[in-house]
Amino acid sequence: MSERSNPELPSLPYDYDALEPSLSEQVLTWHHDTHHQGYVNGLDSAEETLAENRSSGDFGSSGGAIRNVTHNGCGHYLHTTFWENMSPNGGGEPDGDLADRIEEDFGSYEGWKGEFEAAASAAGGWALLVYDPVAKQLRNLVVDKHDQGALWGAHPILALDVWEHSYYYDYGPARGDFIDAFFDVVDWDDVAEKYDQVASTYE
């Protein structure tokens, strides 16, 4: 059996104050260093429990550990995408192949954005733009917690965290203001790169 590598918290691709005023330095510090780190730690702990249970043959705690892998693993992966999807030089609208694909699958950028904002308003966790490799199209998803409402096989290319810890310090209960501010820092180059990678694999 190959040796397991421990999950690690990725560094932010920008300074903690780089996304102000859309996201404050304080929120990024708490959210990344404490909250995201918690998912990394939870994933590592669950993996250790599963490995120990396999060695001992006692699987009494394995069911809970498997659930923790899903919850913490999805939290870790989606947060990583969330950080990568933003930039102090972000904003505007996508162009190139991604823009063409959004227009093809949603009718227009405005049609996609309105639907994505509706997903973000309804979600109890995340709004995601994903590539569905079965239907070979882009879709918006409403994902509660980190893993409820996911589409099997789909690849997130844009992730918006709408848990209250993402915005309450800066915006209070005004989630819509936070969603608007997110679009001021979306790094469409990163989203397009993720789209190109996955689309080239399946098409």
N, C-alpha and C. Protein backbone atom coordinates (compact mmCIF):
# COMPACT_ATOMS: atom_id res chain seq x y z
N MET A 1 0.85 -1.19 0.00
CA MET A 1 0.00 0.00 0.00
C MET A 1 0.88 1.24 0.00
N SER A 2 0.58 2.19 -0.88
CA SER A 2 1.38 3.41 -0.94
C SER A 2 1.12 4.26 0.30
N GLU A 3 2.13 5.02 0.69
CA GLU A 3 2.01 5.87 1.88
C GLU A 3 1.12 7.07 1.56
N ARG A 4 0.22 7.36 2.47
CA ARG A 4 -0.72 8.47 2.29
C ARG A 4 -0.04 9.80 2.56
N SER A 5 -0.32 10.78 1.69
CA SER A 5 0.20 12.12 1.93
C SER A 5 -0.85 12.93 2.68
N ASN A 6 -0.44 13.66 3.69
CA ASN A 6 -1.37 14.44 4.50
C ASN A 6 -1.84 15.66 3.72
N PRO A 7 -3.13 16.00 3.86
CA PRO A 7 -3.62 17.22 3.19
C PRO A 7 -2.98 18.46 3.80
N GLU A 8 -2.82 19.47 3.00
CA GLU A 8 -2.19 20.71 3.48
C GLU A 8 -3.06 21.90 3.10
N LEU A 9 -3.03 22.92 3.95
CA LEU A 9 -3.72 24.17 3.67
C LEU A 9 -2.93 24.95 2.63
N PRO A 10 -3.50 25.24 1.46
CA PRO A 10 -2.77 26.02 0.47
C PRO A 10 -2.69 27.48 0.90
N SER A 11 -1.60 28.13 0.55
CA SER A 11 -1.47 29.56 0.82
C SER A 11 -2.43 30.34 -0.06
N LEU A 12 -2.91 31.48 0.44
CA LEU A 12 -3.70 32.35 -0.42
C LEU A 12 -2.84 32.85 -1.58
N PRO A 13 -3.41 33.00 -2.77
CA PRO A 13 -2.63 33.49 -3.91
C PRO A 13 -2.51 35.01 -3.94
N TYR A 14 -2.79 35.68 -2.83
CA TYR A 14 -2.74 37.14 -2.72
C TYR A 14 -2.63 37.48 -1.25
N ASP A 15 -2.35 38.73 -0.93
CA ASP A 15 -2.28 39.17 0.47
C ASP A 15 -3.67 39.16 1.10
N TYR A 16 -3.71 39.09 2.41
CA TYR A 16 -4.98 39.00 3.12
C TYR A 16 -5.85 40.24 2.93
N ASP A 17 -5.24 41.38 2.67
CA ASP A 17 -6.03 42.60 2.49
C ASP A 17 -6.25 42.93 1.01
N ALA A 18 -5.87 42.02 0.11
CA ALA A 18 -5.86 42.34 -1.32
C ALA A 18 -7.26 42.42 -1.92
N LEU A 19 -8.24 41.82 -1.29
CA LEU A 19 -9.59 41.79 -1.86
C LEU A 19 -10.50 42.85 -1.25
N GLU A 20 -9.96 43.70 -0.39
CA GLU A 20 -10.78 44.78 0.17
C GLU A 20 -11.18 45.75 -0.93
N PRO A 21 -12.39 46.33 -0.88
CA PRO A 21 -13.39 46.21 0.18
C PRO A 21 -14.36 45.04 0.01
N SER A 22 -14.20 44.23 -1.03
CA SER A 22 -15.16 43.14 -1.23
C SER A 22 -15.12 42.13 -0.09
N LEU A 23 -13.93 41.73 0.30
CA LEU A 23 -13.73 40.85 1.46
C LEU A 23 -12.63 41.47 2.31
N SER A 24 -12.89 41.63 3.58
CA SER A 24 -11.95 42.31 4.47
C SER A 24 -10.78 41.41 4.84
N GLU A 25 -9.70 42.05 5.25
CA GLU A 25 -8.53 41.31 5.72
C GLU A 25 -8.90 40.42 6.90
N GLN A 26 -9.75 40.93 7.80
CA GLN A 26 -10.12 40.14 8.97
C GLN A 26 -10.87 38.88 8.58
N VAL A 27 -11.82 39.00 7.65
CA VAL A 27 -12.58 37.83 7.23
C VAL A 27 -11.68 36.82 6.54
N LEU A 28 -10.80 37.27 5.66
CA LEU A 28 -9.90 36.33 4.99
C LEU A 28 -8.98 35.64 5.99
N THR A 29 -8.52 36.35 6.98
CA THR A 29 -7.64 35.75 7.99
C THR A 29 -8.38 34.66 8.76
N TRP A 30 -9.56 34.97 9.26
CA TRP A 30 -10.34 33.97 9.98
C TRP A 30 -10.72 32.81 9.07
N HIS A 31 -11.22 33.16 7.90
CA HIS A 31 -11.80 32.15 7.00
C HIS A 31 -10.73 31.18 6.50
N HIS A 32 -9.60 31.72 6.09
CA HIS A 32 -8.54 30.87 5.56
C HIS A 32 -7.75 30.17 6.67
N ASP A 33 -7.21 30.94 7.60
CA ASP A 33 -6.27 30.39 8.57
C ASP A 33 -6.93 29.50 9.61
N THR A 34 -8.16 29.80 9.97
CA THR A 34 -8.84 29.03 11.01
C THR A 34 -9.88 28.07 10.42
N HIS A 35 -10.80 28.62 9.62
CA HIS A 35 -11.91 27.81 9.15
C HIS A 35 -11.45 26.77 8.12
N HIS A 36 -10.76 27.20 7.09
CA HIS A 36 -10.28 26.25 6.09
C HIS A 36 -9.30 25.26 6.72
N GLN A 37 -8.45 25.75 7.61
CA GLN A 37 -7.51 24.84 8.28
C GLN A 37 -8.27 23.76 9.04
N GLY A 38 -9.43 24.11 9.59
CA GLY A 38 -10.22 23.12 10.31
C GLY A 38 -10.67 21.98 9.41
N TYR A 39 -11.01 22.28 8.17
CA TYR A 39 -11.41 21.21 7.24
C TYR A 39 -10.21 20.34 6.87
N VAL A 40 -9.06 20.95 6.71
CA VAL A 40 -7.85 20.18 6.43
C VAL A 40 -7.54 19.24 7.59
N ASN A 41 -7.64 19.78 8.81
CA ASN A 41 -7.37 18.96 9.99
C ASN A 41 -8.41 17.84 10.12
N GLY A 42 -9.67 18.17 9.85
CA GLY A 42 -10.73 17.17 9.95
C GLY A 42 -10.56 16.05 8.94
N LEU A 43 -10.16 16.41 7.73
CA LEU A 43 -9.90 15.40 6.70
C LEU A 43 -8.75 14.49 7.11
N ASP A 44 -7.67 15.08 7.62
CA ASP A 44 -6.51 14.30 8.03
C ASP A 44 -6.86 13.36 9.17
N SER A 45 -7.63 13.86 10.14
CA SER A 45 -8.02 13.02 11.28
C SER A 45 -8.89 11.86 10.83
N ALA A 46 -9.83 12.12 9.93
CA ALA A 46 -10.70 11.06 9.45
C ALA A 46 -9.92 10.01 8.68
N GLU A 47 -8.97 10.44 7.87
CA GLU A 47 -8.14 9.50 7.11
C GLU A 47 -7.31 8.63 8.07
N GLU A 48 -6.81 9.25 9.13
CA GLU A 48 -6.02 8.49 10.11
C GLU A 48 -6.89 7.43 10.80
N THR A 49 -8.12 7.80 11.14
CA THR A 49 -9.03 6.85 11.77
C THR A 49 -9.30 5.67 10.85
N LEU A 50 -9.55 5.93 9.58
CA LEU A 50 -9.82 4.86 8.64
C LEU A 50 -8.61 3.93 8.49
N ALA A 51 -7.42 4.52 8.42
CA ALA A 51 -6.21 3.71 8.29
C ALA A 51 -6.01 2.83 9.52
N GLU A 52 -6.23 3.39 10.70
CA GLU A 52 -6.08 2.62 11.94
C GLU A 52 -7.10 1.49 11.99
N ASN A 53 -8.34 1.77 11.56
CA ASN A 53 -9.38 0.74 11.59
C ASN A 53 -9.08 -0.38 10.62
N ARG A 54 -8.52 -0.05 9.47
CA ARG A 54 -8.16 -1.09 8.52
C ARG A 54 -7.08 -2.01 9.11
N SER A 55 -6.15 -1.40 9.81
CA SER A 55 -5.05 -2.19 10.40
C SER A 55 -5.54 -3.07 11.53
N SER A 56 -6.45 -2.55 12.36
CA SER A 56 -6.92 -3.29 13.53
C SER A 56 -8.05 -4.26 13.22
N GLY A 57 -8.76 -4.00 12.12
CA GLY A 57 -9.91 -4.82 11.81
C GLY A 57 -11.16 -4.43 12.57
N ASP A 58 -11.09 -3.35 13.34
CA ASP A 58 -12.25 -2.84 14.08
C ASP A 58 -12.82 -1.65 13.31
N PHE A 59 -13.99 -1.84 12.71
CA PHE A 59 -14.57 -0.82 11.84
C PHE A 59 -15.74 -0.07 12.48
N GLY A 60 -15.82 -0.14 13.82
CA GLY A 60 -16.92 0.47 14.52
C GLY A 60 -17.07 1.96 14.28
N SER A 61 -15.95 2.67 14.12
CA SER A 61 -16.00 4.12 13.91
C SER A 61 -15.79 4.52 12.45
N SER A 62 -15.74 3.54 11.56
CA SER A 62 -15.41 3.85 10.16
C SER A 62 -16.54 4.58 9.44
N GLY A 63 -17.78 4.25 9.75
CA GLY A 63 -18.89 4.94 9.09
C GLY A 63 -18.86 6.43 9.33
N GLY A 64 -18.66 6.83 10.58
CA GLY A 64 -18.57 8.26 10.90
C GLY A 64 -17.35 8.90 10.27
N ALA A 65 -16.24 8.17 10.23
CA ALA A 65 -15.02 8.71 9.63
C ALA A 65 -15.20 8.92 8.13
N ILE A 66 -15.91 8.00 7.47
CA ILE A 66 -16.16 8.16 6.04
C ILE A 66 -17.00 9.41 5.79
N ARG A 67 -18.01 9.63 6.62
CA ARG A 67 -18.81 10.86 6.50
C ARG A 67 -17.92 12.09 6.70
N ASN A 68 -16.98 12.01 7.63
CA ASN A 68 -16.09 13.14 7.88
C ASN A 68 -15.14 13.39 6.72
N VAL A 69 -14.73 12.33 6.03
CA VAL A 69 -13.91 12.51 4.83
C VAL A 69 -14.69 13.30 3.79
N THR A 70 -15.96 12.92 3.58
CA THR A 70 -16.77 13.63 2.59
C THR A 70 -16.96 15.08 2.97
N HIS A 71 -17.38 15.33 4.19
CA HIS A 71 -17.67 16.70 4.62
C HIS A 71 -16.41 17.57 4.61
N ASN A 72 -15.37 17.10 5.24
CA ASN A 72 -14.14 17.90 5.33
C ASN A 72 -13.39 17.95 4.02
N GLY A 73 -13.42 16.85 3.27
CA GLY A 73 -12.76 16.85 1.98
C GLY A 73 -13.41 17.83 1.02
N CYS A 74 -14.73 17.81 0.95
CA CYS A 74 -15.42 18.77 0.09
C CYS A 74 -15.18 20.19 0.57
N GLY A 75 -15.20 20.41 1.89
CA GLY A 75 -14.91 21.74 2.42
C GLY A 75 -13.53 22.21 2.02
N HIS A 76 -12.56 21.34 2.10
CA HIS A 76 -11.18 21.67 1.72
C HIS A 76 -11.08 21.98 0.23
N TYR A 77 -11.64 21.12 -0.60
CA TYR A 77 -11.50 21.29 -2.05
C TYR A 77 -12.25 22.53 -2.54
N LEU A 78 -13.46 22.75 -2.03
CA LEU A 78 -14.23 23.90 -2.49
C LEU A 78 -13.63 25.21 -2.01
N HIS A 79 -13.11 25.23 -0.79
CA HIS A 79 -12.45 26.46 -0.33
C HIS A 79 -11.22 26.76 -1.18
N THR A 80 -10.47 25.73 -1.55
CA THR A 80 -9.30 25.95 -2.39
C THR A 80 -9.70 26.58 -3.72
N THR A 81 -10.78 26.08 -4.32
CA THR A 81 -11.28 26.66 -5.57
C THR A 81 -11.75 28.09 -5.35
N PHE A 82 -12.45 28.34 -4.26
CA PHE A 82 -12.94 29.67 -3.91
C PHE A 82 -11.80 30.68 -3.86
N TRP A 83 -10.72 30.36 -3.17
CA TRP A 83 -9.58 31.29 -3.09
C TRP A 83 -8.97 31.52 -4.48
N GLU A 84 -8.82 30.45 -5.24
CA GLU A 84 -8.21 30.56 -6.56
C GLU A 84 -9.08 31.36 -7.52
N ASN A 85 -10.39 31.33 -7.33
CA ASN A 85 -11.33 32.02 -8.22
C ASN A 85 -11.35 33.53 -8.04
N MET A 86 -10.62 34.05 -7.05
CA MET A 86 -10.66 35.49 -6.78
C MET A 86 -9.28 36.12 -6.98
N SER A 87 -9.31 37.42 -7.28
CA SER A 87 -8.07 38.16 -7.52
C SER A 87 -8.33 39.64 -7.29
N PRO A 88 -7.33 40.36 -6.77
CA PRO A 88 -7.49 41.82 -6.64
C PRO A 88 -7.65 42.50 -8.00
N ASN A 89 -7.29 41.80 -9.07
CA ASN A 89 -7.44 42.33 -10.43
C ASN A 89 -8.65 41.72 -11.14
N GLY A 90 -9.57 41.14 -10.37
CA GLY A 90 -10.71 40.46 -10.94
C GLY A 90 -11.83 41.42 -11.32
N GLY A 91 -12.96 40.82 -11.60
CA GLY A 91 -14.13 41.59 -12.01
C GLY A 91 -14.38 41.50 -13.50
N GLY A 92 -15.34 42.27 -13.97
CA GLY A 92 -15.68 42.25 -15.39
C GLY A 92 -16.45 41.01 -15.77
N GLU A 93 -16.29 40.57 -17.00
CA GLU A 93 -17.00 39.41 -17.52
C GLU A 93 -16.01 38.48 -18.20
N PRO A 94 -16.36 37.21 -18.33
CA PRO A 94 -15.48 36.28 -19.04
C PRO A 94 -15.42 36.60 -20.53
N ASP A 95 -14.38 36.11 -21.18
CA ASP A 95 -14.29 36.24 -22.62
C ASP A 95 -13.81 34.92 -23.21
N GLY A 96 -13.58 34.89 -24.49
CA GLY A 96 -13.03 33.71 -25.15
C GLY A 96 -13.97 32.52 -25.12
N ASP A 97 -13.37 31.32 -25.03
CA ASP A 97 -14.15 30.07 -25.10
C ASP A 97 -15.14 29.96 -23.95
N LEU A 98 -14.74 30.42 -22.75
CA LEU A 98 -15.65 30.33 -21.61
C LEU A 98 -16.89 31.19 -21.83
N ALA A 99 -16.70 32.40 -22.32
CA ALA A 99 -17.84 33.28 -22.60
C ALA A 99 -18.76 32.66 -23.64
N ASP A 100 -18.16 32.07 -24.67
CA ASP A 100 -18.97 31.42 -25.71
C ASP A 100 -19.77 30.26 -25.13
N ARG A 101 -19.14 29.50 -24.23
CA ARG A 101 -19.81 28.33 -23.66
C ARG A 101 -20.94 28.75 -22.73
N ILE A 102 -20.73 29.81 -21.95
CA ILE A 102 -21.78 30.32 -21.09
C ILE A 102 -22.97 30.77 -21.93
N GLU A 103 -22.71 31.45 -23.03
CA GLU A 103 -23.80 31.90 -23.89
C GLU A 103 -24.52 30.70 -24.51
N GLU A 104 -23.76 29.67 -24.89
CA GLU A 104 -24.37 28.48 -25.48
C GLU A 104 -25.26 27.74 -24.48
N ASP A 105 -24.78 27.60 -23.24
CA ASP A 105 -25.48 26.77 -22.27
C ASP A 105 -26.55 27.52 -21.48
N PHE A 106 -26.42 28.86 -21.38
CA PHE A 106 -27.36 29.64 -20.56
C PHE A 106 -28.10 30.70 -21.36
N GLY A 107 -27.77 30.86 -22.63
CA GLY A 107 -28.44 31.85 -23.46
C GLY A 107 -27.73 33.18 -23.51
N SER A 108 -27.10 33.57 -22.41
CA SER A 108 -26.36 34.82 -22.33
C SER A 108 -25.61 34.86 -21.00
N TYR A 109 -24.65 35.77 -20.89
CA TYR A 109 -23.97 35.96 -19.61
C TYR A 109 -24.96 36.40 -18.55
N GLU A 110 -25.88 37.29 -18.91
CA GLU A 110 -26.87 37.78 -17.96
C GLU A 110 -27.77 36.65 -17.49
N GLY A 111 -28.13 35.73 -18.41
CA GLY A 111 -28.93 34.58 -18.04
C GLY A 111 -28.20 33.68 -17.06
N TRP A 112 -26.90 33.47 -17.31
CA TRP A 112 -26.11 32.66 -16.37
C TRP A 112 -26.00 33.36 -15.02
N LYS A 113 -25.65 34.65 -15.03
CA LYS A 113 -25.39 35.36 -13.78
C LYS A 113 -26.65 35.42 -12.92
N GLY A 114 -27.80 35.70 -13.53
CA GLY A 114 -29.03 35.74 -12.77
C GLY A 114 -29.33 34.40 -12.11
N GLU A 115 -29.09 33.32 -12.82
CA GLU A 115 -29.33 31.99 -12.27
C GLU A 115 -28.32 31.67 -11.17
N PHE A 116 -27.06 32.06 -11.37
CA PHE A 116 -26.02 31.81 -10.36
C PHE A 116 -26.33 32.59 -9.08
N GLU A 117 -26.77 33.84 -9.23
CA GLU A 117 -27.13 34.64 -8.06
C GLU A 117 -28.31 34.02 -7.33
N ALA A 118 -29.26 33.45 -8.06
CA ALA A 118 -30.38 32.76 -7.43
C ALA A 118 -29.89 31.54 -6.65
N ALA A 119 -28.94 30.81 -7.22
CA ALA A 119 -28.35 29.67 -6.52
C ALA A 119 -27.66 30.12 -5.24
N ALA A 120 -26.92 31.22 -5.32
CA ALA A 120 -26.19 31.73 -4.16
C ALA A 120 -27.16 32.21 -3.08
N SER A 121 -28.29 32.75 -3.48
CA SER A 121 -29.29 33.22 -2.52
C SER A 121 -29.99 32.06 -1.83
N ALA A 122 -30.12 30.93 -2.53
CA ALA A 122 -30.85 29.78 -2.01
C ALA A 122 -29.98 28.80 -1.24
N ALA A 123 -28.69 28.83 -1.47
CA ALA A 123 -27.80 27.79 -0.95
C ALA A 123 -27.60 27.91 0.56
N GLY A 124 -27.44 26.76 1.19
CA GLY A 124 -27.02 26.71 2.57
C GLY A 124 -25.56 26.31 2.66
N GLY A 125 -24.77 26.77 1.73
CA GLY A 125 -23.35 26.42 1.70
C GLY A 125 -22.64 27.05 0.52
N TRP A 126 -22.93 26.58 -0.68
CA TRP A 126 -22.17 26.99 -1.85
C TRP A 126 -23.05 27.16 -3.08
N ALA A 127 -22.71 28.12 -3.92
CA ALA A 127 -23.19 28.19 -5.29
C ALA A 127 -22.02 27.82 -6.18
N LEU A 128 -22.25 26.91 -7.11
CA LEU A 128 -21.17 26.40 -7.95
C LEU A 128 -21.55 26.50 -9.42
N LEU A 129 -20.58 26.90 -10.24
CA LEU A 129 -20.65 26.69 -11.68
C LEU A 129 -19.78 25.49 -11.97
N VAL A 130 -20.38 24.46 -12.54
CA VAL A 130 -19.66 23.21 -12.77
C VAL A 130 -19.73 22.81 -14.23
N TYR A 131 -18.77 21.99 -14.63
CA TYR A 131 -18.83 21.33 -15.93
C TYR A 131 -19.34 19.92 -15.71
N ASP A 132 -20.44 19.58 -16.36
CA ASP A 132 -21.06 18.25 -16.28
C ASP A 132 -20.52 17.43 -17.44
N PRO A 133 -19.65 16.43 -17.17
CA PRO A 133 -19.03 15.68 -18.26
C PRO A 133 -19.97 14.67 -18.92
N VAL A 134 -21.10 14.37 -18.28
CA VAL A 134 -22.05 13.44 -18.88
C VAL A 134 -22.87 14.16 -19.94
N ALA A 135 -23.46 15.31 -19.56
CA ALA A 135 -24.23 16.11 -20.51
C ALA A 135 -23.34 17.00 -21.36
N LYS A 136 -22.07 17.11 -20.96
CA LYS A 136 -21.10 17.97 -21.65
C LYS A 136 -21.62 19.41 -21.73
N GLN A 137 -21.94 19.96 -20.56
CA GLN A 137 -22.41 21.33 -20.50
C GLN A 137 -22.11 21.92 -19.13
N LEU A 138 -22.17 23.24 -19.05
CA LEU A 138 -22.04 23.94 -17.79
C LEU A 138 -23.38 23.94 -17.07
N ARG A 139 -23.33 23.87 -15.74
CA ARG A 139 -24.53 23.93 -14.91
C ARG A 139 -24.24 24.74 -13.66
N ASN A 140 -25.26 25.41 -13.13
CA ASN A 140 -25.19 26.00 -11.80
C ASN A 140 -25.77 25.01 -10.81
N LEU A 141 -25.16 24.92 -9.64
CA LEU A 141 -25.64 24.03 -8.60
C LEU A 141 -25.84 24.78 -7.29
N VAL A 142 -26.86 24.38 -6.55
CA VAL A 142 -27.05 24.80 -5.16
C VAL A 142 -26.56 23.65 -4.28
N VAL A 143 -25.53 23.90 -3.49
CA VAL A 143 -24.96 22.86 -2.64
C VAL A 143 -25.09 23.29 -1.18
N ASP A 144 -25.78 22.49 -0.39
CA ASP A 144 -25.90 22.76 1.04
C ASP A 144 -24.78 22.06 1.78
N LYS A 145 -24.40 22.67 2.89
CA LYS A 145 -23.20 22.24 3.62
C LYS A 145 -22.06 22.23 2.59
N HIS A 146 -21.37 21.10 2.42
CA HIS A 146 -20.33 21.03 1.39
C HIS A 146 -20.62 19.96 0.34
N ASP A 147 -21.58 19.10 0.62
CA ASP A 147 -21.70 17.91 -0.20
C ASP A 147 -23.14 17.49 -0.47
N GLN A 148 -24.12 18.31 -0.10
CA GLN A 148 -25.52 17.96 -0.33
C GLN A 148 -26.04 18.76 -1.53
N GLY A 149 -26.33 18.07 -2.60
CA GLY A 149 -26.75 18.72 -3.83
C GLY A 149 -25.69 18.68 -4.91
N ALA A 150 -24.58 18.01 -4.62
CA ALA A 150 -23.53 17.85 -5.63
C ALA A 150 -24.03 16.95 -6.76
N LEU A 151 -23.43 17.10 -7.92
CA LEU A 151 -23.76 16.27 -9.09
C LEU A 151 -22.58 15.35 -9.35
N TRP A 152 -22.83 14.05 -9.31
CA TRP A 152 -21.74 13.10 -9.48
C TRP A 152 -20.97 13.35 -10.78
N GLY A 153 -19.65 13.41 -10.65
CA GLY A 153 -18.78 13.56 -11.81
C GLY A 153 -18.56 14.99 -12.26
N ALA A 154 -19.37 15.93 -11.74
CA ALA A 154 -19.24 17.32 -12.18
C ALA A 154 -17.99 17.96 -11.58
N HIS A 155 -17.42 18.90 -12.33
CA HIS A 155 -16.18 19.56 -11.92
C HIS A 155 -16.45 21.04 -11.65
N PRO A 156 -16.33 21.49 -10.40
CA PRO A 156 -16.52 22.91 -10.11
C PRO A 156 -15.43 23.76 -10.77
N ILE A 157 -15.86 24.83 -11.45
CA ILE A 157 -14.89 25.77 -12.01
C ILE A 157 -15.04 27.15 -11.38
N LEU A 158 -16.17 27.40 -10.71
CA LEU A 158 -16.38 28.65 -9.98
C LEU A 158 -17.16 28.31 -8.72
N ALA A 159 -16.60 28.71 -7.57
CA ALA A 159 -17.22 28.39 -6.28
C ALA A 159 -17.40 29.66 -5.47
N LEU A 160 -18.62 29.85 -4.96
CA LEU A 160 -18.91 30.97 -4.08
C LEU A 160 -19.40 30.43 -2.75
N ASP A 161 -18.66 30.71 -1.70
CA ASP A 161 -18.99 30.28 -0.34
C ASP A 161 -20.00 31.26 0.24
N VAL A 162 -21.22 30.79 0.52
CA VAL A 162 -22.23 31.67 1.11
C VAL A 162 -22.62 31.22 2.51
N TRP A 163 -21.77 30.44 3.18
CA TRP A 163 -21.94 30.24 4.61
C TRP A 163 -21.81 31.61 5.28
N GLU A 164 -22.48 31.79 6.40
CA GLU A 164 -22.49 33.10 7.05
C GLU A 164 -21.10 33.57 7.46
N HIS A 165 -20.20 32.63 7.74
CA HIS A 165 -18.86 33.07 8.14
C HIS A 165 -18.13 33.78 7.00
N SER A 166 -18.62 33.62 5.77
CA SER A 166 -17.97 34.26 4.62
C SER A 166 -18.26 35.75 4.53
N TYR A 167 -19.39 36.18 5.10
CA TYR A 167 -19.80 37.55 4.82
C TYR A 167 -20.39 38.32 5.99
N TYR A 168 -20.77 37.64 7.10
CA TYR A 168 -21.52 38.34 8.14
C TYR A 168 -20.73 39.46 8.80
N TYR A 169 -19.44 39.26 8.98
CA TYR A 169 -18.62 40.30 9.60
C TYR A 169 -18.60 41.56 8.74
N ASP A 170 -18.57 41.40 7.44
CA ASP A 170 -18.50 42.55 6.52
C ASP A 170 -19.87 43.08 6.14
N TYR A 171 -20.86 42.22 5.99
CA TYR A 171 -22.13 42.61 5.39
C TYR A 171 -23.35 42.37 6.28
N GLY A 172 -23.16 41.77 7.45
CA GLY A 172 -24.31 41.42 8.26
C GLY A 172 -25.20 40.45 7.50
N PRO A 173 -26.53 40.58 7.63
CA PRO A 173 -27.42 39.64 6.95
C PRO A 173 -27.62 39.93 5.46
N ALA A 174 -26.95 40.95 4.92
CA ALA A 174 -27.17 41.34 3.52
C ALA A 174 -26.35 40.45 2.58
N ARG A 175 -26.77 39.20 2.45
CA ARG A 175 -26.05 38.26 1.60
C ARG A 175 -25.97 38.75 0.16
N GLY A 176 -27.02 39.40 -0.32
CA GLY A 176 -27.03 39.89 -1.70
C GLY A 176 -25.93 40.89 -1.96
N ASP A 177 -25.60 41.73 -0.98
CA ASP A 177 -24.50 42.69 -1.15
C ASP A 177 -23.17 41.96 -1.27
N PHE A 178 -23.01 40.89 -0.49
CA PHE A 178 -21.79 40.08 -0.59
C PHE A 178 -21.68 39.40 -1.95
N ILE A 179 -22.79 38.88 -2.45
CA ILE A 179 -22.79 38.24 -3.77
C ILE A 179 -22.39 39.26 -4.84
N ASP A 180 -22.94 40.46 -4.76
CA ASP A 180 -22.56 41.52 -5.71
C ASP A 180 -21.07 41.81 -5.62
N ALA A 181 -20.54 41.90 -4.40
CA ALA A 181 -19.13 42.22 -4.20
C ALA A 181 -18.23 41.11 -4.72
N PHE A 182 -18.68 39.87 -4.63
CA PHE A 182 -17.89 38.75 -5.14
C PHE A 182 -17.58 38.93 -6.62
N PHE A 183 -18.56 39.42 -7.38
CA PHE A 183 -18.34 39.58 -8.81
C PHE A 183 -17.31 40.66 -9.13
N ASP A 184 -17.01 41.51 -8.17
CA ASP A 184 -15.96 42.53 -8.37
C ASP A 184 -14.56 41.94 -8.28
N VAL A 185 -14.44 40.73 -7.73
CA VAL A 185 -13.11 40.13 -7.56
C VAL A 185 -12.99 38.76 -8.24
N VAL A 186 -14.00 38.32 -8.99
CA VAL A 186 -13.88 37.04 -9.69
C VAL A 186 -12.73 37.10 -10.69
N ASP A 187 -11.86 36.12 -10.62
CA ASP A 187 -10.73 36.01 -11.54
C ASP A 187 -11.17 35.12 -12.71
N TRP A 188 -11.67 35.75 -13.75
CA TRP A 188 -12.20 34.97 -14.87
C TRP A 188 -11.11 34.20 -15.61
N ASP A 189 -9.86 34.66 -15.52
CA ASP A 189 -8.77 33.90 -16.13
C ASP A 189 -8.63 32.54 -15.46
N ASP A 190 -8.76 32.52 -14.13
CA ASP A 190 -8.67 31.25 -13.41
C ASP A 190 -9.85 30.35 -13.75
N VAL A 191 -11.05 30.92 -13.79
CA VAL A 191 -12.24 30.13 -14.12
C VAL A 191 -12.10 29.55 -15.53
N ALA A 192 -11.62 30.37 -16.46
CA ALA A 192 -11.44 29.91 -17.84
C ALA A 192 -10.41 28.80 -17.93
N GLU A 193 -9.34 28.92 -17.15
CA GLU A 193 -8.32 27.87 -17.15
C GLU A 193 -8.89 26.56 -16.64
N LYS A 194 -9.68 26.63 -15.57
CA LYS A 194 -10.31 25.41 -15.05
C LYS A 194 -11.28 24.83 -16.08
N TYR A 195 -12.03 25.69 -16.74
CA TYR A 195 -12.95 25.22 -17.78
C TYR A 195 -12.19 24.54 -18.91
N ASP A 196 -11.14 25.18 -19.40
CA ASP A 196 -10.37 24.61 -20.51
C ASP A 196 -9.81 23.24 -20.15
N GLN A 197 -9.31 23.09 -18.92
CA GLN A 197 -8.72 21.82 -18.51
C GLN A 197 -9.74 20.71 -18.53
N VAL A 198 -10.92 20.97 -17.98
CA VAL A 198 -11.91 19.90 -17.88
C VAL A 198 -12.60 19.65 -19.22
N ALA A 199 -12.90 20.71 -19.97
CA ALA A 199 -13.57 20.52 -21.25
C ALA A 199 -12.67 19.76 -22.22
N SER A 200 -11.38 20.06 -22.19
CA SER A 200 -10.46 19.37 -23.11
C SER A 200 -10.33 17.89 -22.78
N THR A 201 -10.64 17.52 -21.55
CA THR A 201 -10.57 16.13 -21.14
C THR A 201 -11.76 15.33 -21.68
N TYR A 202 -12.92 15.97 -21.76
CA TYR A 202 -14.15 15.24 -22.05
C TYR A 202 -14.73 15.51 -23.44
N GLU A 203 -14.21 16.48 -24.14
CA GLU A 203 -14.80 16.80 -25.44
C GLU A 203 -13.79 16.57 -26.57
